[in-house]
Amino acid sequence: MLEPDFEKGNGLIPAIVQDHKTGDVLMLAYMNREAWLKTLETEKATYWSRSRNSLWVKGETSGHYQVVKEITIDCDADTILLKVQQTGAACHTGYRSCFYRKITAGSFEIVGERLFNPEDVYK
């Protein structure tokens, strides 16, 4: 089986996450080999949290899981692309995508949809 080259990124490689139907980019996270294997086993997106220094199943706290529909690996085997069925918001701030701020003329505008208030979920 083809496996990402986790040694290239000192054990962590980026995982780009897209909505499997729309192609919208939802987020970027990091995976180590353990997260990779857990994702393959459960079909739920699992990442390595750099801030918590532990595995993180997307949706564990919020209920906004990512069911993996397709996985591709780039030509250098050092980046993963997950196509997922996203339940609720992908972003911990409550937005559907982490990419909800459009930069314009030195400022930004909110272009995404906020689905929940994080204060109601992360207490």
C-alpha atoms as a PDB file:
ATOM      1  CA  MET A   1       0.000   0.000   0.000  1.00  0.00           C
ATOM      2  CA  LEU A   2       1.206   3.488  -0.815  1.00  0.00           C
ATOM      3  CA  GLU A   3       1.823   5.441   2.356  1.00  0.00           C
ATOM      4  CA  PRO A   4       2.820   9.080   2.867  1.00  0.00           C
ATOM      5  CA  ASP A   5       6.483   9.772   3.611  1.00  0.00           C
ATOM      6  CA  PHE A   6       6.192  11.033   7.182  1.00  0.00           C
ATOM      7  CA  GLU A   7       9.965  11.372   7.496  1.00  0.00           C
ATOM      8  CA  LYS A   8      10.023  14.299   5.050  1.00  0.00           C
ATOM      9  CA  GLY A   9       8.092  16.478   7.475  1.00  0.00           C
ATOM     10  CA  ASN A  10       9.776  15.352  10.683  1.00  0.00           C
ATOM     11  CA  GLY A  11       6.876  13.000  11.313  1.00  0.00           C
ATOM     12  CA  LEU A  12       4.085  15.435  10.360  1.00  0.00           C
ATOM     13  CA  ILE A  13       2.704  16.165   6.924  1.00  0.00           C
ATOM     14  CA  PRO A  14      -0.085  18.511   5.819  1.00  0.00           C
ATOM     15  CA  ALA A  15      -3.551  17.193   5.117  1.00  0.00           C
ATOM     16  CA  ILE A  16      -5.698  19.399   2.911  1.00  0.00           C
ATOM     17  CA  VAL A  17      -9.388  18.772   3.503  1.00  0.00           C
ATOM     18  CA  GLN A  18     -12.035  19.288   0.800  1.00  0.00           C
ATOM     19  CA  ASP A  19     -15.774  18.790   0.710  1.00  0.00           C
ATOM     20  CA  HIS A  20     -16.213  15.682  -1.450  1.00  0.00           C
ATOM     21  CA  LYS A  21     -19.225  17.096  -3.309  1.00  0.00           C
ATOM     22  CA  THR A  22     -18.418  20.795  -3.792  1.00  0.00           C
ATOM     23  CA  GLY A  23     -14.618  20.720  -3.813  1.00  0.00           C
ATOM     24  CA  ASP A  24     -14.565  23.582  -1.272  1.00  0.00           C
ATOM     25  CA  VAL A  25     -11.374  23.618   0.783  1.00  0.00           C
ATOM     26  CA  LEU A  26     -12.499  23.230   4.385  1.00  0.00           C
ATOM     27  CA  MET A  27      -9.275  23.218   6.369  1.00  0.00           C
ATOM     28  CA  LEU A  28      -5.629  22.268   6.626  1.00  0.00           C
ATOM     29  CA  ALA A  29      -4.413  20.003   9.389  1.00  0.00           C
ATOM     30  CA  TYR A  30      -1.433  17.747  10.056  1.00  0.00           C
ATOM     31  CA  MET A  31      -1.138  13.992  10.241  1.00  0.00           C
ATOM     32  CA  ASN A  32       1.468  11.707  11.677  1.00  0.00           C
ATOM     33  CA  ARG A  33       1.582   7.994  10.883  1.00  0.00           C
ATOM     34  CA  GLU A  34      -0.688   7.134  13.818  1.00  0.00           C
ATOM     35  CA  ALA A  35      -3.348   9.632  12.639  1.00  0.00           C
ATOM     36  CA  TRP A  36      -3.024   8.260   9.097  1.00  0.00           C
ATOM     37  CA  LEU A  37      -3.583   4.677  10.242  1.00  0.00           C
ATOM     38  CA  LYS A  38      -6.511   5.668  12.489  1.00  0.00           C
ATOM     39  CA  THR A  39      -8.133   7.544   9.594  1.00  0.00           C
ATOM     40  CA  LEU A  40      -7.788   4.492   7.343  1.00  0.00           C
ATOM     41  CA  GLU A  41      -9.187   2.219  10.053  1.00  0.00           C
ATOM     42  CA  THR A  42     -12.194   4.326  11.111  1.00  0.00           C
ATOM     43  CA  GLU A  43     -12.901   6.378   7.960  1.00  0.00           C
ATOM     44  CA  LYS A  44     -13.204   9.406  10.275  1.00  0.00           C
ATOM     45  CA  ALA A  45     -10.610  12.113   9.729  1.00  0.00           C
ATOM     46  CA  THR A  46      -8.029  11.957  12.490  1.00  0.00           C
ATOM     47  CA  TYR A  47      -5.191  14.447  12.839  1.00  0.00           C
ATOM     48  CA  TRP A  48      -2.239  15.281  15.034  1.00  0.00           C
ATOM     49  CA  SER A  49      -2.930  18.354  17.146  1.00  0.00           C
ATOM     50  CA  ARG A  50       0.274  20.359  17.414  1.00  0.00           C
ATOM     51  CA  SER A  51      -1.177  22.504  20.214  1.00  0.00           C
ATOM     52  CA  ARG A  52      -2.369  19.546  22.311  1.00  0.00           C
ATOM     53  CA  ASN A  53       0.443  17.252  21.220  1.00  0.00           C
ATOM     54  CA  SER A  54      -2.021  14.387  20.744  1.00  0.00           C
ATOM     55  CA  LEU A  55      -4.292  12.655  18.258  1.00  0.00           C
ATOM     56  CA  TRP A  56      -7.487  14.491  17.432  1.00  0.00           C
ATOM     57  CA  VAL A  57     -10.556  12.987  15.786  1.00  0.00           C
ATOM     58  CA  LYS A  58     -12.303  15.826  13.994  1.00  0.00           C
ATOM     59  CA  GLY A  59     -15.731  16.235  15.592  1.00  0.00           C
ATOM     60  CA  GLU A  60     -14.928  14.522  18.893  1.00  0.00           C
ATOM     61  CA  THR A  61     -15.891  17.628  20.863  1.00  0.00           C
ATOM     62  CA  SER A  62     -18.235  19.445  18.486  1.00  0.00           C
ATOM     63  CA  GLY A  63     -19.972  16.520  16.789  1.00  0.00           C
ATOM     64  CA  HIS A  64     -18.881  17.957  13.428  1.00  0.00           C
ATOM     65  CA  TYR A  65     -17.216  14.825  12.092  1.00  0.00           C
ATOM     66  CA  GLN A  66     -15.515  14.346   8.749  1.00  0.00           C
ATOM     67  CA  VAL A  67     -16.297  11.031   7.071  1.00  0.00           C
ATOM     68  CA  VAL A  68     -13.540  10.279   4.587  1.00  0.00           C
ATOM     69  CA  LYS A  69     -14.783   9.546   1.085  1.00  0.00           C
ATOM     70  CA  GLU A  70     -11.494   9.641  -0.844  1.00  0.00           C
ATOM     71  CA  ILE A  71      -7.790   9.984  -0.107  1.00  0.00           C
ATOM     72  CA  THR A  72      -5.062  11.013  -2.527  1.00  0.00           C
ATOM     73  CA  ILE A  73      -1.376  11.610  -1.940  1.00  0.00           C
ATOM     74  CA  ASP A  74       0.681  14.126  -3.903  1.00  0.00           C
ATOM     75  CA  CYS A  75       3.555  13.238  -6.236  1.00  0.00           C
ATOM     76  CA  ASP A  76       6.216  13.549  -3.506  1.00  0.00           C
ATOM     77  CA  ALA A  77       4.137  11.572  -0.978  1.00  0.00           C
ATOM     78  CA  ASP A  78       4.447  14.422   1.515  1.00  0.00           C
ATOM     79  CA  THR A  79       0.936  15.927   1.375  1.00  0.00           C
ATOM     80  CA  ILE A  80      -2.436  14.244   1.806  1.00  0.00           C
ATOM     81  CA  LEU A  81      -5.703  15.367   0.247  1.00  0.00           C
ATOM     82  CA  LEU A  82      -8.813  14.158   2.058  1.00  0.00           C
ATOM     83  CA  LYS A  83     -12.204  14.476   0.423  1.00  0.00           C
ATOM     84  CA  VAL A  84     -14.762  14.304   3.195  1.00  0.00           C
ATOM     85  CA  GLN A  85     -18.424  14.451   4.015  1.00  0.00           C
ATOM     86  CA  GLN A  86     -18.451  17.275   6.534  1.00  0.00           C
ATOM     87  CA  THR A  87     -21.077  17.304   9.257  1.00  0.00           C
ATOM     88  CA  GLY A  88     -21.650  20.887  10.398  1.00  0.00           C
ATOM     89  CA  ALA A  89     -18.713  23.284  10.548  1.00  0.00           C
ATOM     90  CA  ALA A  90     -15.132  22.369   9.726  1.00  0.00           C
ATOM     91  CA  CYS A  91     -13.686  25.361  11.590  1.00  0.00           C
ATOM     92  CA  HIS A  92     -13.487  25.558  15.383  1.00  0.00           C
ATOM     93  CA  THR A  93     -14.702  29.171  15.103  1.00  0.00           C
ATOM     94  CA  GLY A  94     -18.061  27.911  13.854  1.00  0.00           C
ATOM     95  CA  TYR A  95     -17.610  28.601  10.152  1.00  0.00           C
ATOM     96  CA  ARG A  96     -18.225  25.961   7.514  1.00  0.00           C
ATOM     97  CA  SER A  97     -14.627  26.382   6.268  1.00  0.00           C
ATOM     98  CA  CYS A  98     -11.509  27.694   7.991  1.00  0.00           C
ATOM     99  CA  PHE A  99     -11.032  29.901   4.912  1.00  0.00           C
ATOM    100  CA  TYR A 100     -13.808  32.410   5.565  1.00  0.00           C
ATOM    101  CA  ARG A 101     -11.797  35.682   5.483  1.00  0.00           C
ATOM    102  CA  LYS A 102     -11.139  37.215   2.079  1.00  0.00           C
ATOM    103  CA  ILE A 103      -8.239  39.668   1.972  1.00  0.00           C
ATOM    104  CA  THR A 104      -9.063  42.854   0.080  1.00  0.00           C
ATOM    105  CA  ALA A 105      -7.094  46.110  -0.036  1.00  0.00           C
ATOM    106  CA  GLY A 106      -5.161  45.450   3.174  1.00  0.00           C
ATOM    107  CA  SER A 107      -8.250  44.396   5.104  1.00  0.00           C
ATOM    108  CA  PHE A 108     -10.575  41.434   5.039  1.00  0.00           C
ATOM    109  CA  GLU A 109     -14.212  40.606   4.694  1.00  0.00           C
ATOM    110  CA  ILE A 110     -16.107  37.621   6.045  1.00  0.00           C
ATOM    111  CA  VAL A 111     -17.201  35.460   3.120  1.00  0.00           C
ATOM    112  CA  GLY A 112     -18.185  32.249   4.878  1.00  0.00           C
ATOM    113  CA  GLU A 113     -21.206  31.004   6.718  1.00  0.00           C
ATOM    114  CA  ARG A 114     -21.035  30.714  10.506  1.00  0.00           C
ATOM    115  CA  LEU A 115     -22.903  27.621  11.650  1.00  0.00           C
ATOM    116  CA  PHE A 116     -22.431  27.824  15.421  1.00  0.00           C
ATOM    117  CA  ASN A 117     -21.014  29.925  18.235  1.00  0.00           C
ATOM    118  CA  PRO A 118     -17.865  28.252  19.592  1.00  0.00           C
ATOM    119  CA  GLU A 119     -18.657  29.462  23.134  1.00  0.00           C
ATOM    120  CA  ASP A 120     -21.690  27.151  23.076  1.00  0.00           C
ATOM    121  CA  VAL A 121     -19.556  24.104  22.162  1.00  0.00           C
ATOM    122  CA  TYR A 122     -16.062  24.546  23.641  1.00  0.00           C
ATOM    123  CA  LYS A 123     -16.625  25.243  27.319  1.00  0.00           C
END
